[in-house]
C-alpha atoms as a PDB file:
ATOM      1  CA  MET A   1       0.017  -0.012   0.075  1.00  0.00           C
ATOM      2  CA  LYS A   2       3.047   2.267   0.075  1.00  0.00           C
ATOM      3  CA  ALA A   3       2.452   3.074  -3.625  1.00  0.00           C
ATOM      4  CA  LEU A   4      -0.570   5.029  -2.371  1.00  0.00           C
ATOM      5  CA  ALA A   5       1.520   7.336  -0.219  1.00  0.00           C
ATOM      6  CA  PRO A   6       1.825  10.278  -2.647  1.00  0.00           C
ATOM      7  CA  ILE A   7      -1.868  10.575  -2.853  1.00  0.00           C
ATOM      8  CA  GLN A   8      -3.246  12.579  -0.116  1.00  0.00           C
ATOM      9  CA  SER A   9      -5.863  10.477   1.632  1.00  0.00           C
ATOM     10  CA  GLY A  10      -8.017  13.390   2.123  1.00  0.00           C
ATOM     11  CA  SER A  11      -8.378  14.431  -1.565  1.00  0.00           C
ATOM     12  CA  LYS A  12     -11.465  13.477  -3.576  1.00  0.00           C
ATOM     13  CA  GLU A  13      -9.472  11.815  -6.126  1.00  0.00           C
ATOM     14  CA  ALA A  14      -7.943   9.549  -3.544  1.00  0.00           C
ATOM     15  CA  ARG A  15     -11.212   8.620  -1.995  1.00  0.00           C
ATOM     16  CA  VAL A  16     -12.634   7.605  -5.393  1.00  0.00           C
ATOM     17  CA  PHE A  17      -9.353   5.668  -6.276  1.00  0.00           C
ATOM     18  CA  LEU A  18      -9.548   3.873  -2.902  1.00  0.00           C
ATOM     19  CA  SER A  19     -13.179   2.964  -3.369  1.00  0.00           C
ATOM     20  CA  GLN A  20     -12.440   1.599  -6.763  1.00  0.00           C
ATOM     21  CA  ILE A  21      -9.737  -0.624  -5.168  1.00  0.00           C
ATOM     22  CA  CYS A  22     -12.055  -1.629  -2.415  1.00  0.00           C
ATOM     23  CA  ARG A  23     -14.733  -2.742  -4.944  1.00  0.00           C
ATOM     24  CA  HIS A  24     -11.954  -4.461  -7.001  1.00  0.00           C
ATOM     25  CA  TYR A  25     -10.927  -6.515  -4.022  1.00  0.00           C
ATOM     26  CA  GLY A  26     -14.187  -6.838  -2.504  1.00  0.00           C
ATOM     27  CA  ILE A  27     -13.406  -4.847   0.712  1.00  0.00           C
ATOM     28  CA  SER A  28     -16.508  -3.739   2.687  1.00  0.00           C
ATOM     29  CA  ARG A  29     -17.370  -0.124   2.870  1.00  0.00           C
ATOM     30  CA  GLN A  30     -16.973  -0.274   6.730  1.00  0.00           C
ATOM     31  CA  SER A  31     -13.357  -1.592   6.627  1.00  0.00           C
ATOM     32  CA  HIS A  32     -12.617   0.872   3.900  1.00  0.00           C
ATOM     33  CA  ASP A  33     -13.661   3.851   5.998  1.00  0.00           C
ATOM     34  CA  GLN A  34     -11.740   2.292   9.157  1.00  0.00           C
ATOM     35  CA  TRP A  35      -8.627   2.093   6.726  1.00  0.00           C
ATOM     36  CA  ILE A  36      -9.076   5.679   5.484  1.00  0.00           C
ATOM     37  CA  GLN A  37      -9.272   6.932   9.183  1.00  0.00           C
ATOM     38  CA  ALA A  38      -6.251   4.801  10.147  1.00  0.00           C
ATOM     39  CA  GLU A  39      -4.413   6.283   7.193  1.00  0.00           C
ATOM     40  CA  ASP A  40      -5.470   9.712   7.972  1.00  0.00           C
ATOM     41  CA  SER A  41      -4.295   9.561  11.498  1.00  0.00           C
ATOM     42  CA  ARG A  42      -1.042   7.815  10.610  1.00  0.00           C
ATOM     43  CA  MET A  43      -0.288  10.754   8.198  1.00  0.00           C
ATOM     44  CA  LEU A  44      -1.150  13.263  10.834  1.00  0.00           C
ATOM     45  CA  GLN A  45       1.127  11.651  13.210  1.00  0.00           C
ATOM     46  CA  GLU A  46       3.951  11.693  10.677  1.00  0.00           C
ATOM     47  CA  GLU A  47       3.321  15.373   9.984  1.00  0.00           C
ATOM     48  CA  ILE A  48       3.429  16.204  13.767  1.00  0.00           C
ATOM     49  CA  MET A  49       6.660  14.068  13.967  1.00  0.00           C
ATOM     50  CA  LEU A  50       8.241  16.041  11.214  1.00  0.00           C
ATOM     51  CA  GLN A  51       7.647  19.431  12.586  1.00  0.00           C
END
């Protein structure tokens, strides 16, 4: 999943892209949202650590 790193998880394109991936792999909407939240908080933590 590191390949997705350049894409900002908050952007609309990324959300559409991720939902396409989830549909392709049959990932449920709920786990998709949980993954987005986890990814958002992870990126937030990285930003805090970089400052």
